[in-house]
Amino acid sequence: MLFDKQIILFDQEMANQERALTTLAQKLETAGLVTKDFSTAIIQREHQFPTGLLTQTMGVAIPHTDADKVIEPQIAFMRLKKPVIFHQMGDNQEIAVQMIFMLALKQGQDQLKMLQKLMALFQDASAMHHLMTIRSSEELITLMQAAQII
């Protein structure tokens, strides 16, 4: 299951985008889910191909990188106490991001399918509001199951 290692962080205070990405990537590495190169690769890819999205309710980011950096598929989640600046996918505009879904997936087709599922979630204002108020990993997993993310 993609959230089974429970790399789920709520209300984190991060100085900037790079610190947030590094923190999540290091949690994945510590859990043995990604290679030691994952953190550097995810930051480089984010600079080249931004993953920020401005939804109806807030800014989110879906950072990911090449499958060869992934040992075991997983999604890491971070909700920030205060937004940090990311660049928007497509037009590179600065946006304030409050939630990060870091994808560590082994197949390119899995990444595309997951991005589509997450986009559907981001369009659900009720689910997004719920994401802002949940307090436990179990609640997040239940919401992800209800949204058919996992």
N, C-alpha and C. Protein backbone atom coordinates (compact mmCIF):
# COMPACT_ATOMS: atom_id res chain seq x y z
N MET A 1 0.84 -1.19 0.00
CA MET A 1 0.00 0.00 0.00
C MET A 1 0.88 1.25 0.00
N LEU A 2 0.47 2.26 -0.70
CA LEU A 2 1.31 3.43 -0.91
C LEU A 2 1.52 4.33 0.30
N PHE A 3 0.72 4.21 1.31
CA PHE A 3 0.93 4.99 2.54
C PHE A 3 1.27 4.08 3.73
N ASP A 4 1.62 2.83 3.46
CA ASP A 4 1.79 1.89 4.57
C ASP A 4 2.98 2.20 5.47
N LYS A 5 3.97 2.90 5.00
CA LYS A 5 5.11 3.28 5.85
C LYS A 5 4.82 4.53 6.65
N GLN A 6 3.68 5.12 6.39
CA GLN A 6 3.18 6.27 7.13
C GLN A 6 4.19 7.41 7.26
N ILE A 7 4.71 7.81 6.11
CA ILE A 7 5.55 9.01 6.06
C ILE A 7 4.58 10.17 5.84
N ILE A 8 4.00 10.54 6.96
CA ILE A 8 2.91 11.51 6.97
C ILE A 8 3.24 12.54 8.05
N LEU A 9 3.44 13.76 7.62
CA LEU A 9 3.84 14.82 8.53
C LEU A 9 2.80 15.94 8.50
N PHE A 10 2.28 16.29 9.66
CA PHE A 10 1.28 17.34 9.78
C PHE A 10 1.89 18.61 10.37
N ASP A 11 1.42 19.74 9.87
CA ASP A 11 1.70 21.06 10.44
C ASP A 11 3.18 21.31 10.68
N GLN A 12 3.96 21.04 9.65
CA GLN A 12 5.41 21.24 9.70
C GLN A 12 5.74 22.69 9.38
N GLU A 13 6.78 23.18 10.02
CA GLU A 13 7.29 24.51 9.70
C GLU A 13 8.58 24.34 8.92
N MET A 14 8.57 24.78 7.67
CA MET A 14 9.73 24.66 6.80
C MET A 14 10.10 26.05 6.29
N ALA A 15 11.40 26.30 6.21
CA ALA A 15 11.87 27.62 5.78
C ALA A 15 11.60 27.87 4.31
N ASN A 16 11.65 26.80 3.50
CA ASN A 16 11.48 26.97 2.06
C ASN A 16 11.18 25.63 1.40
N GLN A 17 10.98 25.70 0.10
CA GLN A 17 10.67 24.52 -0.70
C GLN A 17 11.73 23.43 -0.57
N GLU A 18 12.98 23.82 -0.70
CA GLU A 18 14.06 22.83 -0.67
C GLU A 18 14.10 22.09 0.66
N ARG A 19 13.90 22.80 1.76
CA ARG A 19 13.91 22.16 3.08
C ARG A 19 12.75 21.17 3.20
N ALA A 20 11.58 21.55 2.70
CA ALA A 20 10.42 20.66 2.76
C ALA A 20 10.67 19.41 1.93
N LEU A 21 11.20 19.58 0.71
CA LEU A 21 11.48 18.43 -0.15
C LEU A 21 12.54 17.53 0.46
N THR A 22 13.58 18.12 0.99
CA THR A 22 14.66 17.34 1.60
C THR A 22 14.15 16.55 2.80
N THR A 23 13.34 17.17 3.62
CA THR A 23 12.80 16.50 4.81
C THR A 23 11.99 15.26 4.42
N LEU A 24 11.09 15.40 3.46
CA LEU A 24 10.28 14.26 3.03
C LEU A 24 11.15 13.19 2.37
N ALA A 25 12.06 13.61 1.50
CA ALA A 25 12.93 12.65 0.81
C ALA A 25 13.79 11.88 1.80
N GLN A 26 14.30 12.55 2.83
CA GLN A 26 15.11 11.87 3.83
C GLN A 26 14.29 10.85 4.62
N LYS A 27 13.04 11.16 4.88
CA LYS A 27 12.16 10.19 5.56
C LYS A 27 11.98 8.95 4.70
N LEU A 28 11.80 9.13 3.40
CA LEU A 28 11.69 7.99 2.49
C LEU A 28 12.98 7.18 2.46
N GLU A 29 14.11 7.88 2.44
CA GLU A 29 15.41 7.19 2.42
C GLU A 29 15.65 6.42 3.73
N THR A 30 15.36 7.04 4.85
CA THR A 30 15.53 6.39 6.15
C THR A 30 14.70 5.13 6.26
N ALA A 31 13.53 5.15 5.64
CA ALA A 31 12.64 3.98 5.65
C ALA A 31 13.08 2.90 4.65
N GLY A 32 14.15 3.18 3.89
CA GLY A 32 14.66 2.21 2.93
C GLY A 32 13.83 2.10 1.66
N LEU A 33 13.08 3.15 1.35
CA LEU A 33 12.17 3.12 0.21
C LEU A 33 12.76 3.71 -1.06
N VAL A 34 13.79 4.55 -0.90
CA VAL A 34 14.43 5.20 -2.04
C VAL A 34 15.95 5.16 -1.87
N THR A 35 16.65 5.43 -2.96
CA THR A 35 18.12 5.43 -2.92
C THR A 35 18.62 6.73 -2.30
N LYS A 36 19.90 6.77 -2.02
CA LYS A 36 20.51 7.96 -1.45
C LYS A 36 20.51 9.14 -2.43
N ASP A 37 20.31 8.86 -3.72
CA ASP A 37 20.28 9.90 -4.74
C ASP A 37 18.90 10.53 -4.91
N PHE A 38 17.89 9.97 -4.26
CA PHE A 38 16.52 10.43 -4.44
C PHE A 38 16.36 11.90 -4.08
N SER A 39 16.88 12.31 -2.94
CA SER A 39 16.71 13.69 -2.47
C SER A 39 17.26 14.70 -3.46
N THR A 40 18.48 14.49 -3.91
CA THR A 40 19.09 15.39 -4.88
C THR A 40 18.31 15.39 -6.19
N ALA A 41 17.90 14.21 -6.63
CA ALA A 41 17.17 14.08 -7.89
C ALA A 41 15.82 14.78 -7.83
N ILE A 42 15.14 14.69 -6.70
CA ILE A 42 13.81 15.30 -6.60
C ILE A 42 13.91 16.82 -6.61
N ILE A 43 14.94 17.35 -5.97
CA ILE A 43 15.14 18.81 -5.95
C ILE A 43 15.52 19.30 -7.35
N GLN A 44 16.41 18.59 -8.02
CA GLN A 44 16.80 18.98 -9.38
C GLN A 44 15.61 18.95 -10.32
N ARG A 45 14.81 17.90 -10.22
CA ARG A 45 13.66 17.78 -11.11
C ARG A 45 12.64 18.88 -10.82
N GLU A 46 12.45 19.21 -9.57
CA GLU A 46 11.51 20.27 -9.22
C GLU A 46 11.94 21.61 -9.81
N HIS A 47 13.24 21.86 -9.86
CA HIS A 47 13.74 23.10 -10.47
C HIS A 47 13.50 23.11 -11.98
N GLN A 48 13.65 21.96 -12.62
CA GLN A 48 13.49 21.87 -14.07
C GLN A 48 12.02 21.76 -14.49
N PHE A 49 11.26 20.98 -13.74
CA PHE A 49 9.86 20.72 -14.07
C PHE A 49 9.01 20.91 -12.80
N PRO A 50 8.61 22.14 -12.52
CA PRO A 50 7.87 22.42 -11.29
C PRO A 50 6.57 21.61 -11.19
N THR A 51 6.21 21.28 -9.95
CA THR A 51 5.02 20.44 -9.72
C THR A 51 3.96 21.12 -8.86
N GLY A 52 4.09 22.41 -8.66
CA GLY A 52 3.09 23.13 -7.88
C GLY A 52 1.79 23.28 -8.66
N LEU A 53 0.68 23.22 -7.94
CA LEU A 53 -0.65 23.40 -8.54
C LEU A 53 -1.48 24.28 -7.64
N LEU A 54 -2.12 25.26 -8.22
CA LEU A 54 -3.04 26.09 -7.46
C LEU A 54 -4.43 25.51 -7.65
N THR A 55 -4.97 24.92 -6.59
CA THR A 55 -6.31 24.34 -6.66
C THR A 55 -7.32 25.40 -6.25
N GLN A 56 -8.58 25.03 -6.23
CA GLN A 56 -9.64 25.96 -5.83
C GLN A 56 -9.46 26.39 -4.38
N THR A 57 -8.82 25.54 -3.57
CA THR A 57 -8.75 25.81 -2.14
C THR A 57 -7.36 26.18 -1.63
N MET A 58 -6.29 25.70 -2.31
CA MET A 58 -4.93 25.96 -1.82
C MET A 58 -3.90 25.52 -2.84
N GLY A 59 -2.65 25.83 -2.56
CA GLY A 59 -1.56 25.36 -3.39
C GLY A 59 -1.07 24.00 -2.89
N VAL A 60 -0.84 23.10 -3.84
CA VAL A 60 -0.29 21.77 -3.53
C VAL A 60 0.89 21.51 -4.45
N ALA A 61 1.72 20.56 -4.08
CA ALA A 61 2.83 20.15 -4.95
C ALA A 61 2.89 18.64 -4.98
N ILE A 62 3.30 18.12 -6.13
CA ILE A 62 3.40 16.67 -6.33
C ILE A 62 4.79 16.33 -6.86
N PRO A 63 5.82 16.55 -6.06
CA PRO A 63 7.17 16.26 -6.54
C PRO A 63 7.40 14.77 -6.76
N HIS A 64 8.15 14.48 -7.79
CA HIS A 64 8.50 13.09 -8.12
C HIS A 64 9.76 13.12 -8.98
N THR A 65 10.38 11.96 -9.13
CA THR A 65 11.59 11.87 -9.96
C THR A 65 11.64 10.50 -10.61
N ASP A 66 12.76 10.18 -11.22
CA ASP A 66 12.90 8.95 -11.98
C ASP A 66 12.73 7.70 -11.13
N ALA A 67 12.12 6.70 -11.73
CA ALA A 67 11.81 5.44 -11.04
C ALA A 67 13.06 4.69 -10.58
N ASP A 68 14.20 4.92 -11.22
CA ASP A 68 15.40 4.19 -10.82
C ASP A 68 15.92 4.60 -9.44
N LYS A 69 15.34 5.66 -8.87
CA LYS A 69 15.71 6.11 -7.52
C LYS A 69 14.80 5.52 -6.45
N VAL A 70 13.83 4.71 -6.89
CA VAL A 70 12.83 4.14 -5.98
C VAL A 70 13.12 2.66 -5.75
N ILE A 71 13.16 2.28 -4.48
CA ILE A 71 13.35 0.87 -4.10
C ILE A 71 11.99 0.22 -3.92
N GLU A 72 11.11 0.88 -3.18
CA GLU A 72 9.76 0.37 -2.92
C GLU A 72 8.77 1.52 -3.07
N PRO A 73 7.70 1.35 -3.85
CA PRO A 73 6.75 2.43 -4.08
C PRO A 73 6.11 2.94 -2.79
N GLN A 74 5.96 4.27 -2.75
CA GLN A 74 5.40 4.89 -1.56
C GLN A 74 5.01 6.33 -1.91
N ILE A 75 4.09 6.87 -1.15
CA ILE A 75 3.76 8.29 -1.22
C ILE A 75 4.01 8.87 0.16
N ALA A 76 4.73 9.99 0.20
CA ALA A 76 4.95 10.71 1.45
C ALA A 76 4.09 11.97 1.41
N PHE A 77 3.58 12.37 2.56
CA PHE A 77 2.69 13.52 2.65
C PHE A 77 3.18 14.49 3.70
N MET A 78 3.12 15.77 3.37
CA MET A 78 3.44 16.81 4.35
C MET A 78 2.42 17.94 4.23
N ARG A 79 1.84 18.30 5.37
CA ARG A 79 1.00 19.50 5.44
C ARG A 79 1.81 20.55 6.20
N LEU A 80 1.93 21.71 5.60
CA LEU A 80 2.74 22.78 6.18
C LEU A 80 1.89 23.70 7.05
N LYS A 81 2.49 24.14 8.14
CA LYS A 81 1.80 25.10 9.02
C LYS A 81 1.64 26.43 8.30
N LYS A 82 2.71 26.85 7.61
CA LYS A 82 2.68 28.07 6.79
C LYS A 82 3.16 27.67 5.39
N PRO A 83 2.49 28.17 4.36
CA PRO A 83 2.89 27.79 3.00
C PRO A 83 4.32 28.21 2.66
N VAL A 84 4.92 27.45 1.73
CA VAL A 84 6.21 27.81 1.16
C VAL A 84 6.02 27.98 -0.34
N ILE A 85 6.92 28.72 -0.96
CA ILE A 85 6.80 29.03 -2.38
C ILE A 85 7.32 27.88 -3.25
N PHE A 86 6.49 27.46 -4.17
CA PHE A 86 6.84 26.52 -5.24
C PHE A 86 6.54 27.26 -6.54
N HIS A 87 6.91 26.65 -7.64
CA HIS A 87 6.53 27.17 -8.94
C HIS A 87 5.46 26.27 -9.53
N GLN A 88 4.54 26.90 -10.24
CA GLN A 88 3.41 26.18 -10.79
C GLN A 88 3.79 25.38 -12.03
N MET A 89 3.24 24.19 -12.09
CA MET A 89 3.39 23.32 -13.25
C MET A 89 2.87 24.07 -14.47
N GLY A 90 3.62 24.06 -15.52
CA GLY A 90 3.16 24.68 -16.76
C GLY A 90 3.63 26.10 -16.97
N ASP A 91 3.20 27.03 -16.12
CA ASP A 91 3.53 28.44 -16.37
C ASP A 91 4.63 29.00 -15.46
N ASN A 92 5.10 28.19 -14.52
CA ASN A 92 6.23 28.56 -13.66
C ASN A 92 5.96 29.74 -12.73
N GLN A 93 4.68 30.13 -12.56
CA GLN A 93 4.34 31.21 -11.63
C GLN A 93 4.58 30.75 -10.19
N GLU A 94 4.95 31.68 -9.33
CA GLU A 94 5.12 31.35 -7.92
C GLU A 94 3.76 31.13 -7.27
N ILE A 95 3.65 30.07 -6.47
CA ILE A 95 2.43 29.83 -5.70
C ILE A 95 2.81 29.39 -4.30
N ALA A 96 1.94 29.68 -3.36
CA ALA A 96 2.14 29.28 -1.97
C ALA A 96 1.54 27.88 -1.79
N VAL A 97 2.40 26.93 -1.44
CA VAL A 97 1.99 25.53 -1.30
C VAL A 97 1.86 25.18 0.17
N GLN A 98 0.75 24.52 0.50
CA GLN A 98 0.52 24.12 1.88
C GLN A 98 0.54 22.60 2.05
N MET A 99 0.42 21.85 0.94
CA MET A 99 0.45 20.38 1.02
C MET A 99 1.36 19.82 -0.05
N ILE A 100 2.11 18.80 0.35
CA ILE A 100 3.03 18.14 -0.58
C ILE A 100 2.74 16.64 -0.57
N PHE A 101 2.51 16.10 -1.75
CA PHE A 101 2.40 14.66 -1.95
C PHE A 101 3.63 14.25 -2.74
N MET A 102 4.62 13.66 -2.08
CA MET A 102 5.85 13.25 -2.77
C MET A 102 5.69 11.81 -3.26
N LEU A 103 5.78 11.65 -4.58
CA LEU A 103 5.60 10.35 -5.19
C LEU A 103 6.93 9.64 -5.35
N ALA A 104 6.99 8.41 -4.86
CA ALA A 104 8.13 7.53 -5.08
C ALA A 104 7.55 6.27 -5.72
N LEU A 105 7.44 6.31 -7.04
CA LEU A 105 6.80 5.21 -7.76
C LEU A 105 7.79 4.60 -8.76
N LYS A 106 7.65 3.30 -8.99
CA LYS A 106 8.63 2.58 -9.81
C LYS A 106 8.31 2.55 -11.30
N GLN A 107 7.10 2.80 -11.68
CA GLN A 107 6.71 2.73 -13.09
C GLN A 107 6.20 4.09 -13.56
N GLY A 108 6.63 4.50 -14.75
CA GLY A 108 6.17 5.76 -15.31
C GLY A 108 4.66 5.80 -15.44
N GLN A 109 4.06 4.68 -15.84
CA GLN A 109 2.60 4.64 -16.00
C GLN A 109 1.91 4.77 -14.64
N ASP A 110 2.54 4.27 -13.59
CA ASP A 110 1.98 4.43 -12.24
C ASP A 110 1.97 5.91 -11.84
N GLN A 111 3.03 6.63 -12.21
CA GLN A 111 3.08 8.06 -11.89
C GLN A 111 1.95 8.81 -12.58
N LEU A 112 1.74 8.51 -13.86
CA LEU A 112 0.68 9.18 -14.61
C LEU A 112 -0.69 8.88 -14.01
N LYS A 113 -0.94 7.63 -13.67
CA LYS A 113 -2.23 7.25 -13.06
C LYS A 113 -2.42 7.94 -11.72
N MET A 114 -1.35 7.98 -10.92
CA MET A 114 -1.45 8.62 -9.61
C MET A 114 -1.67 10.12 -9.75
N LEU A 115 -1.00 10.75 -10.70
CA LEU A 115 -1.21 12.18 -10.92
C LEU A 115 -2.67 12.45 -11.29
N GLN A 116 -3.26 11.60 -12.09
CA GLN A 116 -4.66 11.75 -12.47
C GLN A 116 -5.58 11.60 -11.26
N LYS A 117 -5.30 10.62 -10.42
CA LYS A 117 -6.10 10.42 -9.21
C LYS A 117 -5.98 11.61 -8.26
N LEU A 118 -4.76 12.10 -8.11
CA LEU A 118 -4.56 13.24 -7.22
C LEU A 118 -5.24 14.49 -7.76
N MET A 119 -5.22 14.67 -9.07
CA MET A 119 -5.90 15.83 -9.67
C MET A 119 -7.40 15.79 -9.35
N ALA A 120 -7.98 14.61 -9.40
CA ALA A 120 -9.40 14.46 -9.05
C ALA A 120 -9.62 14.83 -7.58
N LEU A 121 -8.72 14.39 -6.71
CA LEU A 121 -8.81 14.73 -5.29
C LEU A 121 -8.73 16.25 -5.10
N PHE A 122 -7.80 16.89 -5.79
CA PHE A 122 -7.58 18.33 -5.64
C PHE A 122 -8.79 19.14 -6.09
N GLN A 123 -9.62 18.58 -6.95
CA GLN A 123 -10.81 19.28 -7.43
C GLN A 123 -12.00 19.10 -6.48
N ASP A 124 -11.84 18.26 -5.48
CA ASP A 124 -12.90 18.00 -4.50
C ASP A 124 -12.68 18.92 -3.29
N ALA A 125 -13.39 20.05 -3.27
CA ALA A 125 -13.20 21.05 -2.22
C ALA A 125 -13.44 20.48 -0.83
N SER A 126 -14.40 19.59 -0.68
CA SER A 126 -14.69 18.98 0.61
C SER A 126 -13.51 18.13 1.09
N ALA A 127 -12.96 17.34 0.20
CA ALA A 127 -11.81 16.49 0.56
C ALA A 127 -10.60 17.35 0.90
N MET A 128 -10.40 18.42 0.17
CA MET A 128 -9.26 19.30 0.43
C MET A 128 -9.41 19.99 1.79
N HIS A 129 -10.63 20.40 2.11
CA HIS A 129 -10.87 20.99 3.43
C HIS A 129 -10.58 19.95 4.52
N HIS A 130 -11.01 18.72 4.28
CA HIS A 130 -10.76 17.64 5.24
C HIS A 130 -9.25 17.43 5.42
N LEU A 131 -8.49 17.50 4.34
CA LEU A 131 -7.03 17.36 4.43
C LEU A 131 -6.41 18.43 5.33
N MET A 132 -7.03 19.59 5.39
CA MET A 132 -6.51 20.67 6.23
C MET A 132 -6.83 20.48 7.70
N THR A 133 -7.79 19.62 8.01
CA THR A 133 -8.23 19.49 9.40
C THR A 133 -7.88 18.15 10.04
N ILE A 134 -7.51 17.17 9.25
CA ILE A 134 -7.21 15.86 9.85
C ILE A 134 -5.99 15.95 10.75
N ARG A 135 -5.96 15.08 11.74
CA ARG A 135 -4.91 15.12 12.75
C ARG A 135 -4.13 13.81 12.89
N SER A 136 -4.55 12.76 12.18
CA SER A 136 -3.86 11.48 12.35
C SER A 136 -3.58 10.82 11.01
N SER A 137 -2.57 9.97 11.01
CA SER A 137 -2.22 9.20 9.82
C SER A 137 -3.39 8.33 9.39
N GLU A 138 -4.09 7.77 10.36
CA GLU A 138 -5.22 6.90 10.06
C GLU A 138 -6.30 7.66 9.30
N GLU A 139 -6.56 8.91 9.72
CA GLU A 139 -7.56 9.72 9.03
C GLU A 139 -7.13 10.00 7.59
N LEU A 140 -5.83 10.27 7.40
CA LEU A 140 -5.34 10.53 6.05
C LEU A 140 -5.50 9.28 5.18
N ILE A 141 -5.13 8.14 5.71
CA ILE A 141 -5.24 6.90 4.95
C ILE A 141 -6.70 6.60 4.60
N THR A 142 -7.60 6.81 5.55
CA THR A 142 -9.03 6.61 5.28
C THR A 142 -9.49 7.53 4.16
N LEU A 143 -9.07 8.79 4.19
CA LEU A 143 -9.45 9.73 3.14
C LEU A 143 -8.86 9.30 1.80
N MET A 144 -7.63 8.85 1.79
CA MET A 144 -7.00 8.40 0.54
C MET A 144 -7.71 7.17 -0.02
N GLN A 145 -8.17 6.29 0.86
CA GLN A 145 -8.92 5.13 0.41
C GLN A 145 -10.28 5.55 -0.16
N ALA A 146 -10.95 6.46 0.51
CA ALA A 146 -12.26 6.94 0.04
C ALA A 146 -12.14 7.64 -1.32
N ALA A 147 -11.01 8.31 -1.54
CA ALA A 147 -10.77 9.01 -2.80
C ALA A 147 -10.18 8.09 -3.88
N GLN A 148 -10.02 6.82 -3.52
CA GLN A 148 -9.46 5.79 -4.42
C GLN A 148 -8.04 6.13 -4.87
N ILE A 149 -7.29 6.82 -4.00
CA ILE A 149 -5.87 7.06 -4.24
C ILE A 149 -5.09 5.78 -3.95
N ILE A 150 -5.53 5.09 -2.89
CA ILE A 150 -4.91 3.81 -2.53
C ILE A 150 -5.99 2.75 -2.41
